[in-house]
Amino acid sequence: MESFILSWAASVAAAVLIGTIIGMLLPESGIKKYVSVVTGIVVSMIILAPAAKLLSGTDVSQTLDDAFSTIEKGEVFDYDSAHYKDYIYRLYEVYIVNGQNKNE
């Protein structure tokens, strides 16, 4: 348990340190605001990760690994315009053609 707390505290400290260094290197511009928001979200996620793990009863890291492996195995979407063309024609018939008959 002690090693878990030490590694968690080290993760939080490292995230805060890296976020601070990146924030200091950026010029005063609009992007600095976004970087600080993202850094805050990352630090919050690191802080809340053990609580989420306890409350969910599942292994969060294993769930994320499964999700990433599923994304990596994903197939490329092939666009087939014929399907959409038929769908648009059916919509046209339902909404336009039938709608004109109701107005007459």
C-alpha atoms as a PDB file:
ATOM      1  CA  MET A   1       0.000   0.000   0.000  1.00  0.00           C
ATOM      2  CA  GLU A   2       2.836   2.336   0.842  1.00  0.00           C
ATOM      3  CA  SER A   3       4.504   1.796  -2.527  1.00  0.00           C
ATOM      4  CA  PHE A   4       1.188   2.543  -4.255  1.00  0.00           C
ATOM      5  CA  ILE A   5       0.849   5.862  -2.413  1.00  0.00           C
ATOM      6  CA  LEU A   6       4.444   6.778  -3.169  1.00  0.00           C
ATOM      7  CA  SER A   7       4.076   6.005  -6.865  1.00  0.00           C
ATOM      8  CA  TRP A   8       0.762   7.916  -6.974  1.00  0.00           C
ATOM      9  CA  ALA A   9       2.340  10.961  -5.281  1.00  0.00           C
ATOM     10  CA  ALA A  10       5.305  10.784  -7.652  1.00  0.00           C
ATOM     11  CA  SER A  11       2.916  10.692 -10.634  1.00  0.00           C
ATOM     12  CA  VAL A  12       1.045  13.738  -9.367  1.00  0.00           C
ATOM     13  CA  ALA A  13       4.273  15.622  -8.694  1.00  0.00           C
ATOM     14  CA  ALA A  14       5.700  14.737 -12.102  1.00  0.00           C
ATOM     15  CA  ALA A  15       2.512  15.851 -13.890  1.00  0.00           C
ATOM     16  CA  VAL A  16       2.470  19.151 -12.012  1.00  0.00           C
ATOM     17  CA  LEU A  17       6.183  19.710 -12.657  1.00  0.00           C
ATOM     18  CA  ILE A  18       5.914  18.951 -16.379  1.00  0.00           C
ATOM     19  CA  GLY A  19       2.815  21.129 -16.692  1.00  0.00           C
ATOM     20  CA  THR A  20       4.555  23.999 -14.929  1.00  0.00           C
ATOM     21  CA  ILE A  21       7.643  23.723 -17.120  1.00  0.00           C
ATOM     22  CA  ILE A  22       5.561  23.672 -20.301  1.00  0.00           C
ATOM     23  CA  GLY A  23       3.560  26.654 -19.034  1.00  0.00           C
ATOM     24  CA  MET A  24       6.712  28.600 -18.312  1.00  0.00           C
ATOM     25  CA  LEU A  25       8.154  27.902 -21.765  1.00  0.00           C
ATOM     26  CA  LEU A  26       5.066  29.127 -23.608  1.00  0.00           C
ATOM     27  CA  PRO A  27       4.733  32.814 -24.477  1.00  0.00           C
ATOM     28  CA  GLU A  28       1.865  34.849 -23.063  1.00  0.00           C
ATOM     29  CA  SER A  29      -0.765  34.009 -25.622  1.00  0.00           C
ATOM     30  CA  GLY A  30      -4.136  32.382 -25.954  1.00  0.00           C
ATOM     31  CA  ILE A  31      -2.660  28.898 -26.193  1.00  0.00           C
ATOM     32  CA  LYS A  32      -1.200  29.180 -22.698  1.00  0.00           C
ATOM     33  CA  LYS A  33      -4.733  29.178 -21.276  1.00  0.00           C
ATOM     34  CA  TYR A  34      -5.569  25.959 -23.097  1.00  0.00           C
ATOM     35  CA  VAL A  35      -2.351  24.293 -21.977  1.00  0.00           C
ATOM     36  CA  SER A  36      -3.079  25.176 -18.355  1.00  0.00           C
ATOM     37  CA  VAL A  37      -6.610  23.769 -18.672  1.00  0.00           C
ATOM     38  CA  VAL A  38      -5.315  20.516 -20.172  1.00  0.00           C
ATOM     39  CA  THR A  39      -2.639  20.286 -17.495  1.00  0.00           C
ATOM     40  CA  GLY A  40      -5.268  20.768 -14.810  1.00  0.00           C
ATOM     41  CA  ILE A  41      -7.434  18.051 -16.297  1.00  0.00           C
ATOM     42  CA  VAL A  42      -4.499  15.623 -16.482  1.00  0.00           C
ATOM     43  CA  VAL A  43      -3.490  16.317 -12.882  1.00  0.00           C
ATOM     44  CA  SER A  44      -7.110  15.919 -11.757  1.00  0.00           C
ATOM     45  CA  MET A  45      -7.362  12.602 -13.564  1.00  0.00           C
ATOM     46  CA  ILE A  46      -4.157  11.381 -11.939  1.00  0.00           C
ATOM     47  CA  ILE A  47      -5.394  12.446  -8.516  1.00  0.00           C
ATOM     48  CA  LEU A  48      -8.825  10.848  -8.961  1.00  0.00           C
ATOM     49  CA  ALA A  49      -7.648   7.625 -10.661  1.00  0.00           C
ATOM     50  CA  PRO A  50      -7.311   5.615  -7.424  1.00  0.00           C
ATOM     51  CA  ALA A  51     -10.782   6.703  -6.290  1.00  0.00           C
ATOM     52  CA  ALA A  52     -12.261   5.723  -9.644  1.00  0.00           C
ATOM     53  CA  LYS A  53     -10.533   2.371  -9.431  1.00  0.00           C
ATOM     54  CA  LEU A  54     -11.913   1.726  -5.955  1.00  0.00           C
ATOM     55  CA  LEU A  55     -15.447   2.825  -6.813  1.00  0.00           C
ATOM     56  CA  SER A  56     -15.720   0.967 -10.089  1.00  0.00           C
ATOM     57  CA  GLY A  57     -14.241  -2.271  -8.844  1.00  0.00           C
ATOM     58  CA  THR A  58     -12.485  -2.793 -12.161  1.00  0.00           C
ATOM     59  CA  ASP A  59      -8.947  -2.345 -13.315  1.00  0.00           C
ATOM     60  CA  VAL A  60      -8.959   1.033 -15.048  1.00  0.00           C
ATOM     61  CA  SER A  61      -5.607   0.541 -16.749  1.00  0.00           C
ATOM     62  CA  GLN A  62      -6.726  -2.810 -18.178  1.00  0.00           C
ATOM     63  CA  THR A  63      -9.940  -1.228 -19.473  1.00  0.00           C
ATOM     64  CA  LEU A  64      -7.961   1.560 -21.166  1.00  0.00           C
ATOM     65  CA  ASP A  65      -5.518  -0.931 -22.670  1.00  0.00           C
ATOM     66  CA  ASP A  66      -8.441  -2.930 -24.076  1.00  0.00           C
ATOM     67  CA  ALA A  67      -9.982   0.223 -25.552  1.00  0.00           C
ATOM     68  CA  PHE A  68      -6.710   1.282 -27.183  1.00  0.00           C
ATOM     69  CA  SER A  69      -6.107  -2.190 -28.622  1.00  0.00           C
ATOM     70  CA  THR A  70      -9.633  -2.151 -30.057  1.00  0.00           C
ATOM     71  CA  ILE A  71      -8.936   1.208 -31.686  1.00  0.00           C
ATOM     72  CA  GLU A  72      -5.666  -0.040 -33.146  1.00  0.00           C
ATOM     73  CA  LYS A  73      -7.415  -3.070 -34.666  1.00  0.00           C
ATOM     74  CA  GLY A  74     -10.154  -0.939 -36.197  1.00  0.00           C
ATOM     75  CA  GLU A  75     -10.843  -1.146 -39.873  1.00  0.00           C
ATOM     76  CA  VAL A  76     -10.768   1.786 -42.240  1.00  0.00           C
ATOM     77  CA  PHE A  77     -14.238   3.024 -43.113  1.00  0.00           C
ATOM     78  CA  ASP A  78     -14.972   2.644 -46.803  1.00  0.00           C
ATOM     79  CA  TYR A  79     -17.322   5.298 -48.093  1.00  0.00           C
ATOM     80  CA  ASP A  80     -19.974   3.916 -50.412  1.00  0.00           C
ATOM     81  CA  SER A  81     -22.026   6.697 -51.940  1.00  0.00           C
ATOM     82  CA  ALA A  82     -24.620   4.308 -53.373  1.00  0.00           C
ATOM     83  CA  HIS A  83     -26.022   3.610 -49.914  1.00  0.00           C
ATOM     84  CA  TYR A  84     -26.380   7.289 -49.134  1.00  0.00           C
ATOM     85  CA  LYS A  85     -27.849   8.109 -52.518  1.00  0.00           C
ATOM     86  CA  ASP A  86     -30.645   5.564 -52.002  1.00  0.00           C
ATOM     87  CA  TYR A  87     -31.249   6.897 -48.508  1.00  0.00           C
ATOM     88  CA  ILE A  88     -31.508  10.485 -49.778  1.00  0.00           C
ATOM     89  CA  TYR A  89     -33.954   9.456 -52.509  1.00  0.00           C
ATOM     90  CA  ARG A  90     -36.141   7.714 -49.931  1.00  0.00           C
ATOM     91  CA  LEU A  91     -36.069  10.792 -47.709  1.00  0.00           C
ATOM     92  CA  TYR A  92     -36.989  12.938 -50.670  1.00  0.00           C
ATOM     93  CA  GLU A  93     -39.960  10.726 -51.448  1.00  0.00           C
ATOM     94  CA  VAL A  94     -41.194  10.677 -47.866  1.00  0.00           C
ATOM     95  CA  TYR A  95     -40.774  14.326 -46.952  1.00  0.00           C
ATOM     96  CA  ILE A  96     -41.081  16.209 -50.212  1.00  0.00           C
ATOM     97  CA  VAL A  97     -43.339  14.154 -52.449  1.00  0.00           C
ATOM     98  CA  ASN A  98     -45.699  13.003 -49.700  1.00  0.00           C
ATOM     99  CA  GLY A  99     -45.616  16.450 -48.101  1.00  0.00           C
ATOM    100  CA  GLN A 100     -46.840  18.062 -51.344  1.00  0.00           C
ATOM    101  CA  ASN A 101     -49.762  15.652 -51.537  1.00  0.00           C
ATOM    102  CA  LYS A 102     -50.877  16.698 -48.038  1.00  0.00           C
ATOM    103  CA  ASN A 103     -50.812  20.400 -48.952  1.00  0.00           C
ATOM    104  CA  GLU A 104     -53.015  19.948 -52.047  1.00  0.00           C
END
